[in-house]
Structures are given as C-alpha cells and as structure tokens.
Amino acid sequence: MRVVLRALVLRQLAAGLAAPRVAQTLPLTPKAIRQIAHRYNSSGLNAALYDKQRPGAQEVLDDSQKQRIIAMVCSQAPEGRARWTVRLIVEEAVKRKLVPKVGRETIRFCCRATS
C-alpha cells in the first residue's frame, strides 16, 4: 500500500500538481509528499518508492541462554507449582542465574519461537 501511495504521489507531481494539492487527494501530508519528491530527485525511483532495510533490535538472549531457559522449562515446575508460567520462568531464570535480568515479553517470544 505504501509503495502504491508513493507512486501515486510521484505521478501527480509529474503532472505538475504542488504538494499541498496532492495532499488533498491522498492521505499524506505535504511534508511527506515533499520528502518523497526529494528522495526521487536525489536518489531515484527505488529510493522514492521503497524504504531502506532496517537492522531491527538486537536480540536480548543469545542461543546459549535460550537453550538453558528451554531446558529449565522442560523440567518439572518448582515445588508447589503445577506448571510453568511466564512470570515464573522469568523469576527462576534470574534466580538460577541463567540470565542477569530478562523481561516477560522476551521470555514469551523465546518460548513461542521454539515451540
């Protein structure tokens, strides 16, 4: 959808319309339209239509830490607990010094990615 909008912007700009006029027909601001035009003029069509590749966030847990946490979860839950919960996994992983600190969402993602 984003690529199509950008192509429509370039088409309307090529037809001689100004950025504020294009913004009336497309769901973009005049500033965004000018940025698309600038990328086209400075770097070409691909730069105007497509975003640069983004590196993404660095992983919090390395493979060794993930494996130790998974091995822990594959064992029996601690005494007095019927099953492992995400909160319990976080508490036990820190308590057992498998990781210095870790959040629930990191554990949830780690366990979901391996199942």
Protein backbone atom coordinates (compact mmCIF):
# COMPACT_ATOMS: atom_id res chain seq x y z
CA MET A 1 0.00 0.00 0.00
CA ARG A 2 2.82 2.38 0.92
CA VAL A 3 4.57 1.81 -2.42
CA VAL A 4 1.34 2.45 -4.33
CA LEU A 5 0.75 5.73 -2.46
CA ARG A 6 4.28 6.87 -3.20
CA ALA A 7 3.88 6.01 -6.87
CA LEU A 8 0.63 7.99 -6.98
CA VAL A 9 2.43 10.93 -5.37
CA LEU A 10 5.16 10.85 -7.99
CA ARG A 11 2.58 10.59 -10.78
CA GLN A 12 0.65 13.61 -9.54
CA LEU A 13 3.83 15.62 -9.00
CA ALA A 14 4.94 14.76 -12.55
CA ALA A 15 1.57 16.06 -13.76
CA GLY A 16 2.51 19.43 -12.28
CA LEU A 17 0.49 19.44 -9.06
CA ALA A 18 2.00 21.03 -5.96
CA ALA A 19 2.47 19.11 -2.71
CA PRO A 20 -0.48 20.76 -0.88
CA ARG A 21 -2.77 19.93 -3.80
CA VAL A 22 -1.57 16.30 -3.87
CA ALA A 23 -2.17 16.12 -0.10
CA GLN A 24 -5.84 16.94 -0.72
CA THR A 25 -6.29 13.82 -2.84
CA LEU A 26 -4.03 11.36 -0.98
CA PRO A 27 -3.80 10.54 2.74
CA LEU A 28 -0.36 12.11 3.14
CA THR A 29 0.87 15.43 4.45
CA PRO A 30 2.52 17.98 2.16
CA LYS A 31 5.76 17.42 4.08
CA ALA A 32 5.67 13.66 3.39
CA ILE A 33 4.97 14.37 -0.27
CA ARG A 34 7.94 16.75 -0.48
CA GLN A 35 10.15 14.10 1.17
CA ILE A 36 9.12 11.53 -1.45
CA ALA A 37 9.88 14.05 -4.20
CA HIS A 38 13.26 14.86 -2.63
CA ARG A 39 14.20 11.15 -2.42
CA TYR A 40 13.20 10.73 -6.06
CA ASN A 41 15.24 13.73 -7.20
CA SER A 42 18.32 12.85 -5.17
CA SER A 43 18.41 9.05 -5.34
CA GLY A 44 15.99 7.84 -7.99
CA LEU A 45 12.79 5.86 -8.24
CA ASN A 46 13.69 2.93 -5.96
CA ALA A 47 14.65 5.29 -3.13
CA ALA A 48 11.36 7.15 -3.52
CA LEU A 49 9.20 4.03 -3.57
CA TYR A 50 10.92 1.73 -1.07
CA ASP A 51 12.28 2.16 2.45
CA LYS A 52 15.85 1.27 3.29
CA GLN A 53 16.38 -2.03 5.07
CA ARG A 54 16.32 -1.54 8.84
CA PRO A 55 18.57 -3.56 11.13
CA GLY A 56 15.97 -4.23 13.82
CA ALA A 57 16.59 -4.58 17.51
CA GLN A 58 19.42 -6.69 18.83
CA GLU A 59 18.42 -9.97 20.45
CA VAL A 60 18.33 -9.85 24.24
CA LEU A 61 19.12 -13.54 24.77
CA ASP A 62 21.88 -15.44 22.99
CA ASP A 63 21.39 -19.03 21.84
CA SER A 64 23.03 -20.49 24.94
CA GLN A 65 20.73 -18.56 27.28
CA LYS A 66 17.66 -19.58 25.26
CA GLN A 67 18.68 -23.23 25.40
CA ARG A 68 19.21 -23.14 29.18
CA ILE A 69 15.83 -21.48 29.72
CA ILE A 70 14.11 -24.02 27.47
CA ALA A 71 15.82 -26.88 29.31
CA MET A 72 14.63 -25.41 32.60
CA VAL A 73 11.06 -25.17 31.36
CA CYS A 74 11.17 -28.76 30.08
CA SER A 75 11.86 -29.93 33.63
CA GLN A 76 9.31 -30.14 36.43
CA ALA A 77 7.88 -26.88 37.69
CA PRO A 78 9.21 -25.80 41.11
CA GLU A 79 7.70 -27.43 44.17
CA GLY A 80 4.30 -26.02 44.99
CA ARG A 81 3.66 -25.05 41.35
CA ALA A 82 1.52 -27.07 38.95
CA ARG A 83 3.08 -25.63 35.79
CA TRP A 84 5.45 -23.04 34.42
CA THR A 85 4.06 -19.56 33.81
CA VAL A 86 5.86 -16.76 32.01
CA ARG A 87 6.32 -14.88 35.28
CA LEU A 88 7.66 -17.98 36.99
CA ILE A 89 10.11 -18.61 34.14
CA VAL A 90 11.41 -15.04 34.48
CA GLU A 91 11.80 -15.37 38.26
CA GLU A 92 13.51 -18.76 38.07
CA ALA A 93 15.83 -17.81 35.19
CA VAL A 94 17.16 -14.86 37.19
CA LYS A 95 17.20 -16.83 40.47
CA ARG A 96 19.18 -19.67 38.83
CA LYS A 97 21.48 -17.09 37.21
CA LEU A 98 20.71 -18.26 33.69
CA VAL A 99 20.38 -14.59 32.74
CA PRO A 100 21.21 -11.41 34.69
CA LYS A 101 17.73 -9.97 34.02
CA VAL A 102 15.00 -10.59 31.50
CA GLY A 103 11.51 -9.34 30.79
CA ARG A 104 8.31 -11.31 30.40
CA GLU A 105 7.89 -10.44 26.72
CA THR A 106 11.41 -11.64 25.95
CA ILE A 107 10.62 -14.96 27.62
CA ARG A 108 7.25 -15.17 25.89
CA PHE A 109 8.91 -14.59 22.50
CA CYS A 110 11.73 -17.03 23.28
CA CYS A 111 9.36 -19.82 24.26
CA ARG A 112 6.95 -19.15 21.39
CA ALA A 113 9.71 -19.11 18.76
CA THR A 114 10.91 -22.56 19.78
CA SER A 115 7.56 -24.33 20.04
